[in-house]
Amino acid sequence: MTVLVPAGLPLVEAARWVGGSCWLELHAHAVITDALADLSLEDPQRIALWTVRSNRAEMAEAWHRRLPELREFPRETFVSRPDGVGADTPDGVLAQLHRRYAEHEAVAVGPADGPVAQTLARAGELIARDLAAVAG
């Protein structure tokens, strides 16, 4: 019996997706940091944003760890703004992250994508929680 596993994306394309996710998480962290400077925020909102900000930092670090070490493509070259990113509010950038992660779930399927799929699952859990915290 032969078991075939889908190949997943080519390495460089997969690394660009991971790098784009890292960039977007860092962008979300910066947007939330700016929002925390708003003195009119109530304490529950402020606490929620601090938690969301921490989650974004955790995911940025996780995505950076998933980037491949390729001599011809240093990790830093993959961390760049993905196409279609335009939100500059906490709820807007979180919604973009949510869409990005939901769209990629079916793509992270190859044998080398196991770590990315694990990180994607964690990212999906956190982003759902964070969207609820910002909305509530």
C-alpha atoms as a PDB file:
ATOM      1  CA  MET A   1       0.000   0.000   0.000  1.00  0.00           C
ATOM      2  CA  THR A   2       1.355   3.405  -0.994  1.00  0.00           C
ATOM      3  CA  VAL A   3       0.353   6.430   1.036  1.00  0.00           C
ATOM      4  CA  LEU A   4       0.669   9.727  -0.758  1.00  0.00           C
ATOM      5  CA  VAL A   5       0.913  12.941   1.180  1.00  0.00           C
ATOM      6  CA  PRO A   6       0.346  16.194  -0.688  1.00  0.00           C
ATOM      7  CA  ALA A   7       3.605  17.992  -1.307  1.00  0.00           C
ATOM      8  CA  GLY A   8       2.567  21.376   0.045  1.00  0.00           C
ATOM      9  CA  LEU A   9       3.996  24.634  -1.261  1.00  0.00           C
ATOM     10  CA  PRO A  10       7.531  24.917  -2.662  1.00  0.00           C
ATOM     11  CA  LEU A  11       9.982  25.839   0.098  1.00  0.00           C
ATOM     12  CA  VAL A  12      10.612  29.446  -0.921  1.00  0.00           C
ATOM     13  CA  GLU A  13       6.901  30.145  -1.409  1.00  0.00           C
ATOM     14  CA  ALA A  14       6.073  28.566   1.955  1.00  0.00           C
ATOM     15  CA  ALA A  15       8.836  30.609   3.595  1.00  0.00           C
ATOM     16  CA  ARG A  16       7.395  33.804   2.081  1.00  0.00           C
ATOM     17  CA  TRP A  17       4.004  32.978   3.595  1.00  0.00           C
ATOM     18  CA  VAL A  18       5.567  32.347   7.014  1.00  0.00           C
ATOM     19  CA  GLY A  19       7.650  35.529   6.730  1.00  0.00           C
ATOM     20  CA  GLY A  20       4.553  37.509   5.762  1.00  0.00           C
ATOM     21  CA  SER A  21       2.745  36.139   8.800  1.00  0.00           C
ATOM     22  CA  CYS A  22       5.681  37.130  10.994  1.00  0.00           C
ATOM     23  CA  TRP A  23       5.608  40.649   9.528  1.00  0.00           C
ATOM     24  CA  LEU A  24       1.848  40.947  10.016  1.00  0.00           C
ATOM     25  CA  GLU A  25       2.115  39.775  13.631  1.00  0.00           C
ATOM     26  CA  LEU A  26       4.812  42.403  14.261  1.00  0.00           C
ATOM     27  CA  HIS A  27       2.587  45.003  12.590  1.00  0.00           C
ATOM     28  CA  ALA A  28      -0.325  43.971  14.826  1.00  0.00           C
ATOM     29  CA  HIS A  29       1.939  44.303  17.858  1.00  0.00           C
ATOM     30  CA  ALA A  30       2.889  47.849  16.784  1.00  0.00           C
ATOM     31  CA  VAL A  31      -0.728  48.839  16.079  1.00  0.00           C
ATOM     32  CA  ILE A  32      -1.825  47.564  19.480  1.00  0.00           C
ATOM     33  CA  THR A  33       1.091  49.341  21.173  1.00  0.00           C
ATOM     34  CA  ASP A  34      -0.092  52.596  19.575  1.00  0.00           C
ATOM     35  CA  ALA A  35      -3.677  51.907  20.687  1.00  0.00           C
ATOM     36  CA  LEU A  36      -2.514  51.426  24.281  1.00  0.00           C
ATOM     37  CA  ALA A  37      -1.326  55.044  24.300  1.00  0.00           C
ATOM     38  CA  ASP A  38      -4.989  56.146  24.146  1.00  0.00           C
ATOM     39  CA  LEU A  39      -5.644  57.560  27.608  1.00  0.00           C
ATOM     40  CA  SER A  40      -9.417  57.244  27.208  1.00  0.00           C
ATOM     41  CA  LEU A  41      -9.292  53.434  27.274  1.00  0.00           C
ATOM     42  CA  GLU A  42     -11.083  51.838  30.204  1.00  0.00           C
ATOM     43  CA  ASP A  43      -9.114  49.382  32.343  1.00  0.00           C
ATOM     44  CA  PRO A  44     -10.840  46.240  30.943  1.00  0.00           C
ATOM     45  CA  GLN A  45     -10.038  47.370  27.380  1.00  0.00           C
ATOM     46  CA  ARG A  46      -6.455  48.146  28.326  1.00  0.00           C
ATOM     47  CA  ILE A  47      -5.986  44.749  30.006  1.00  0.00           C
ATOM     48  CA  ALA A  48      -7.468  42.974  26.984  1.00  0.00           C
ATOM     49  CA  LEU A  49      -5.140  44.844  24.631  1.00  0.00           C
ATOM     50  CA  TRP A  50      -2.079  44.014  26.749  1.00  0.00           C
ATOM     51  CA  THR A  51      -2.999  40.329  26.528  1.00  0.00           C
ATOM     52  CA  VAL A  52      -3.581  40.544  22.782  1.00  0.00           C
ATOM     53  CA  ARG A  53      -0.274  42.388  22.359  1.00  0.00           C
ATOM     54  CA  SER A  54       1.530  39.622  24.229  1.00  0.00           C
ATOM     55  CA  ASN A  55      -0.105  36.982  22.034  1.00  0.00           C
ATOM     56  CA  ARG A  56       0.977  38.820  18.889  1.00  0.00           C
ATOM     57  CA  ALA A  57       4.585  38.896  20.124  1.00  0.00           C
ATOM     58  CA  GLU A  58       4.426  35.160  20.883  1.00  0.00           C
ATOM     59  CA  MET A  59       3.158  34.382  17.384  1.00  0.00           C
ATOM     60  CA  ALA A  60       5.696  36.665  15.659  1.00  0.00           C
ATOM     61  CA  GLU A  61       8.459  34.794  17.452  1.00  0.00           C
ATOM     62  CA  ALA A  62       6.910  31.416  16.581  1.00  0.00           C
ATOM     63  CA  TRP A  63       6.668  32.311  12.875  1.00  0.00           C
ATOM     64  CA  HIS A  64      10.259  33.563  12.864  1.00  0.00           C
ATOM     65  CA  ARG A  65      11.413  30.228  14.302  1.00  0.00           C
ATOM     66  CA  ARG A  66       9.595  28.448  11.441  1.00  0.00           C
ATOM     67  CA  LEU A  67      11.544  30.284   8.751  1.00  0.00           C
ATOM     68  CA  PRO A  68      14.077  28.058   7.021  1.00  0.00           C
ATOM     69  CA  GLU A  69      17.817  28.589   7.313  1.00  0.00           C
ATOM     70  CA  LEU A  70      18.845  28.876   3.655  1.00  0.00           C
ATOM     71  CA  ARG A  71      22.256  30.209   2.765  1.00  0.00           C
ATOM     72  CA  GLU A  72      21.002  31.860  -0.408  1.00  0.00           C
ATOM     73  CA  PHE A  73      17.940  33.360   1.333  1.00  0.00           C
ATOM     74  CA  PRO A  74      18.646  34.691   4.844  1.00  0.00           C
ATOM     75  CA  ARG A  75      15.633  34.541   7.175  1.00  0.00           C
ATOM     76  CA  GLU A  76      15.257  38.311   7.252  1.00  0.00           C
ATOM     77  CA  THR A  77      14.573  38.427   3.504  1.00  0.00           C
ATOM     78  CA  PHE A  78      11.326  36.508   4.049  1.00  0.00           C
ATOM     79  CA  VAL A  79       9.942  38.852   6.717  1.00  0.00           C
ATOM     80  CA  SER A  80       8.124  41.400   4.591  1.00  0.00           C
ATOM     81  CA  ARG A  81       4.721  42.992   4.221  1.00  0.00           C
ATOM     82  CA  PRO A  82       2.301  40.567   2.564  1.00  0.00           C
ATOM     83  CA  ASP A  83       0.081  41.736  -0.285  1.00  0.00           C
ATOM     84  CA  GLY A  84      -3.295  43.167   0.675  1.00  0.00           C
ATOM     85  CA  VAL A  85      -2.343  44.376   4.150  1.00  0.00           C
ATOM     86  CA  GLY A  86      -3.879  47.723   4.927  1.00  0.00           C
ATOM     87  CA  ALA A  87      -5.468  47.697   8.381  1.00  0.00           C
ATOM     88  CA  ASP A  88      -4.078  49.993  11.049  1.00  0.00           C
ATOM     89  CA  THR A  89      -6.557  49.415  13.871  1.00  0.00           C
ATOM     90  CA  PRO A  90      -6.364  46.560  16.382  1.00  0.00           C
ATOM     91  CA  ASP A  91      -9.619  44.942  15.252  1.00  0.00           C
ATOM     92  CA  GLY A  92      -8.778  45.444  11.563  1.00  0.00           C
ATOM     93  CA  VAL A  93      -5.315  43.903  11.723  1.00  0.00           C
ATOM     94  CA  LEU A  94      -6.610  41.029  13.878  1.00  0.00           C
ATOM     95  CA  ALA A  95      -9.330  40.366  11.292  1.00  0.00           C
ATOM     96  CA  GLN A  96      -6.649  40.260   8.571  1.00  0.00           C
ATOM     97  CA  LEU A  97      -4.629  37.758  10.591  1.00  0.00           C
ATOM     98  CA  HIS A  98      -7.735  35.637  11.152  1.00  0.00           C
ATOM     99  CA  ARG A  99      -8.506  35.533   7.412  1.00  0.00           C
ATOM    100  CA  ARG A 100      -4.870  34.808   6.555  1.00  0.00           C
ATOM    101  CA  TYR A 101      -4.715  31.874   8.948  1.00  0.00           C
ATOM    102  CA  ALA A 102      -8.101  30.447   7.925  1.00  0.00           C
ATOM    103  CA  GLU A 103      -7.140  30.584   4.235  1.00  0.00           C
ATOM    104  CA  HIS A 104      -3.819  28.818   4.835  1.00  0.00           C
ATOM    105  CA  GLU A 105      -5.116  25.864   6.871  1.00  0.00           C
ATOM    106  CA  ALA A 106      -5.744  23.739   3.765  1.00  0.00           C
ATOM    107  CA  VAL A 107      -2.329  24.600   2.287  1.00  0.00           C
ATOM    108  CA  ALA A 108      -0.089  23.523   5.196  1.00  0.00           C
ATOM    109  CA  VAL A 109      -0.361  19.825   4.353  1.00  0.00           C
ATOM    110  CA  GLY A 110       3.030  18.541   3.185  1.00  0.00           C
ATOM    111  CA  PRO A 111       5.383  16.448   5.324  1.00  0.00           C
ATOM    112  CA  ALA A 112       7.648  19.439   5.945  1.00  0.00           C
ATOM    113  CA  ASP A 113       4.622  21.527   6.909  1.00  0.00           C
ATOM    114  CA  GLY A 114       4.045  19.748  10.237  1.00  0.00           C
ATOM    115  CA  PRO A 115       5.694  22.501  12.325  1.00  0.00           C
ATOM    116  CA  VAL A 116       3.898  25.201  10.319  1.00  0.00           C
ATOM    117  CA  ALA A 117       0.574  23.393  10.774  1.00  0.00           C
ATOM    118  CA  GLN A 118       1.192  23.197  14.541  1.00  0.00           C
ATOM    119  CA  THR A 119       2.031  26.901  14.712  1.00  0.00           C
ATOM    120  CA  LEU A 120      -0.991  27.666  12.523  1.00  0.00           C
ATOM    121  CA  ALA A 121      -3.260  25.759  14.924  1.00  0.00           C
ATOM    122  CA  ARG A 122      -1.882  27.755  17.867  1.00  0.00           C
ATOM    123  CA  ALA A 123      -2.230  30.989  15.888  1.00  0.00           C
ATOM    124  CA  GLY A 124      -5.854  30.141  15.077  1.00  0.00           C
ATOM    125  CA  GLU A 125      -6.669  29.530  18.743  1.00  0.00           C
ATOM    126  CA  LEU A 126      -5.054  32.781  19.864  1.00  0.00           C
ATOM    127  CA  ILE A 127      -6.517  34.939  17.115  1.00  0.00           C
ATOM    128  CA  ALA A 128     -10.054  33.707  17.842  1.00  0.00           C
ATOM    129  CA  ARG A 129      -9.558  34.508  21.538  1.00  0.00           C
ATOM    130  CA  ASP A 130      -8.014  37.894  20.733  1.00  0.00           C
ATOM    131  CA  LEU A 131     -10.807  38.915  18.366  1.00  0.00           C
ATOM    132  CA  ALA A 132     -13.339  38.140  21.083  1.00  0.00           C
ATOM    133  CA  ALA A 133     -11.322  40.114  23.660  1.00  0.00           C
ATOM    134  CA  VAL A 134     -11.087  43.189  21.426  1.00  0.00           C
ATOM    135  CA  ALA A 135     -14.769  43.009  20.447  1.00  0.00           C
ATOM    136  CA  GLY A 136     -16.009  42.427  24.001  1.00  0.00           C
END
